[in-house]
Amino acid sequence: MPEVERERPSMPGIDHQLRSAESVTAQGLSSDAAVVSQLEQLRHLCLAVCPDCLVQRRTDKKRTAVIFVVPALANMKQDKNLMTVWPGARSVRLRIMFPKPSPREEALDQAKLSHYCERMLGLLINLGNSTTST
């Protein structure tokens, strides 16, 4: 009898370890396929801005958060996140840490993807300037 090949995930899910955002998937963070799709879209957006971006899952005020971290700042206690994302039951909320002071958490808006990209690029430029000036 031939052995049935089981489908194996090609990448691990996002967990509580800081890992390369390129090497993980958002599967398992929500049972809603639309939410997983939005999370994957944001992961790819972060990678387009910061190809070596790191990602980590954490519990934040009794809800799951996914943080995207600039590698050069990974060891800092604060101000290291490029973006924080909260997967909800049917939608995704996010906060991009630029411009300062930190903007509030907002619902993902597909029409603002290029705006999110610009804000993340602005943050990376700011971080580059602040790390080279110290």
Protein backbone atom coordinates (compact mmCIF):
# COMPACT_ATOMS: atom_id res chain seq x y z
CA MET A 1 0.00 0.00 0.00
CA PRO A 2 1.56 3.39 -0.96
CA GLU A 3 2.29 5.79 1.84
CA VAL A 4 0.07 8.86 1.80
CA GLU A 5 2.16 12.01 1.93
CA ARG A 6 0.88 14.39 4.56
CA GLU A 7 0.85 18.08 3.91
CA ARG A 8 3.48 19.74 6.04
CA PRO A 9 3.67 23.46 6.72
CA SER A 10 6.57 24.94 4.81
CA MET A 11 7.33 27.46 7.55
CA PRO A 12 6.77 27.59 11.30
CA GLY A 13 4.15 29.91 12.72
CA ILE A 14 4.88 33.13 14.54
CA ASP A 15 5.59 32.30 18.17
CA HIS A 16 7.12 33.89 21.28
CA GLN A 17 10.67 33.64 19.89
CA LEU A 18 12.14 36.50 17.91
CA ARG A 19 12.62 35.13 14.39
CA SER A 20 13.18 36.33 10.86
CA ALA A 21 9.85 37.57 9.46
CA GLU A 22 10.82 35.91 6.19
CA SER A 23 10.97 32.45 7.76
CA VAL A 24 7.55 32.31 9.45
CA THR A 25 3.88 32.31 8.56
CA ALA A 26 0.84 33.90 10.22
CA GLN A 27 -1.08 30.61 10.10
CA GLY A 28 -2.43 29.73 13.53
CA LEU A 29 -2.84 33.30 14.77
CA SER A 30 -6.51 33.32 13.79
CA SER A 31 -9.13 30.84 12.70
CA ASP A 32 -10.47 33.43 10.23
CA ALA A 33 -8.81 33.05 6.81
CA ALA A 34 -9.34 36.75 6.04
CA VAL A 35 -7.46 37.77 9.21
CA VAL A 36 -4.59 35.38 8.39
CA SER A 37 -4.48 36.85 4.88
CA GLN A 38 -4.29 40.39 6.29
CA LEU A 39 -1.52 39.35 8.69
CA GLU A 40 0.43 37.81 5.82
CA GLN A 41 -0.06 40.98 3.79
CA LEU A 42 1.36 43.09 6.64
CA ARG A 43 4.27 40.66 7.09
CA HIS A 44 5.15 41.04 3.41
CA LEU A 45 4.78 44.81 3.68
CA CYS A 46 7.27 44.88 6.58
CA LEU A 47 9.67 42.69 4.62
CA ALA A 48 9.46 45.05 1.65
CA VAL A 49 10.53 47.93 3.91
CA CYS A 50 12.96 46.02 6.15
CA PRO A 51 14.07 42.73 4.48
CA ASP A 52 15.80 41.49 7.65
CA CYS A 53 12.88 42.39 9.94
CA LEU A 54 12.24 40.14 12.92
CA VAL A 55 8.85 39.09 14.26
CA GLN A 56 7.59 37.84 17.60
CA ARG A 57 4.24 36.94 19.15
CA ARG A 58 3.43 38.23 22.61
CA THR A 59 0.50 38.56 24.95
CA ASP A 60 -0.38 42.18 25.42
CA LYS A 61 -3.13 43.25 27.85
CA LYS A 62 -4.85 39.86 27.55
CA ARG A 63 -4.72 39.79 23.75
CA THR A 64 -2.26 38.46 21.23
CA ALA A 65 0.05 40.94 19.56
CA VAL A 66 2.56 40.40 16.78
CA ILE A 67 5.53 42.75 16.82
CA PHE A 68 7.81 43.46 13.89
CA VAL A 69 11.25 44.44 15.17
CA VAL A 70 14.14 46.28 13.55
CA PRO A 71 17.10 43.86 13.93
CA ALA A 72 19.59 46.52 15.06
CA LEU A 73 17.25 47.36 17.96
CA ALA A 74 16.24 43.82 18.95
CA ASN A 75 18.04 43.96 22.31
CA MET A 76 16.42 47.21 23.42
CA LYS A 77 13.70 47.14 26.07
CA GLN A 78 11.51 49.72 24.26
CA ASP A 79 11.27 51.66 21.01
CA LYS A 80 12.33 48.65 18.94
CA ASN A 81 9.09 47.92 17.09
CA LEU A 82 8.55 48.87 13.50
CA MET A 83 4.90 47.83 13.76
CA THR A 84 2.62 46.09 16.24
CA VAL A 85 -0.35 44.11 14.93
CA TRP A 86 -3.31 42.71 16.86
CA PRO A 87 -5.27 39.96 15.11
CA GLY A 88 -8.92 40.11 16.11
CA ALA A 89 -11.81 37.74 15.53
CA ARG A 90 -12.65 39.27 12.15
CA SER A 91 -10.16 42.07 11.56
CA VAL A 92 -6.63 43.31 12.22
CA ARG A 93 -5.56 46.40 14.14
CA LEU A 94 -2.10 47.91 13.90
CA ARG A 95 0.20 50.62 15.18
CA ILE A 96 3.21 51.89 13.28
CA MET A 97 5.62 53.67 15.57
CA PHE A 98 6.02 56.74 13.34
CA PRO A 99 5.65 59.66 13.41
CA LYS A 100 6.39 60.33 17.07
CA PRO A 101 4.62 60.66 19.39
CA SER A 102 3.33 57.20 18.65
CA PRO A 103 0.07 57.25 16.78
CA ARG A 104 -2.82 55.33 18.17
CA GLU A 105 -3.76 51.83 17.22
CA GLU A 106 -5.90 51.78 14.06
CA ALA A 107 -7.92 49.32 12.02
CA LEU A 108 -6.16 47.97 8.94
CA ASP A 109 -7.30 49.93 5.90
CA GLN A 110 -6.40 48.35 2.55
CA ALA A 111 -6.46 51.79 0.91
CA LYS A 112 -3.65 52.95 3.23
CA LEU A 113 -1.05 50.24 2.50
CA SER A 114 1.28 52.65 0.68
CA HIS A 115 0.85 55.14 3.56
CA TYR A 116 1.83 52.42 6.05
CA CYS A 117 4.89 51.68 3.93
CA GLU A 118 5.89 55.37 3.91
CA ARG A 119 5.50 55.61 7.68
CA MET A 120 7.66 52.52 8.24
CA LEU A 121 10.31 53.90 5.87
CA GLY A 122 10.22 57.19 7.80
CA LEU A 123 10.75 55.29 11.03
CA LEU A 124 13.71 53.38 9.59
CA ILE A 125 15.28 56.62 8.36
CA ASN A 126 14.75 58.21 11.80
CA LEU A 127 16.23 55.17 13.53
CA GLY A 128 19.22 55.20 11.18
CA ASN A 129 19.85 58.85 11.93
CA SER A 130 19.53 58.36 15.70
CA THR A 131 21.82 55.30 15.80
CA THR A 132 24.53 57.02 13.74
CA SER A 133 24.42 60.25 15.74
CA THR A 134 25.03 58.62 19.12
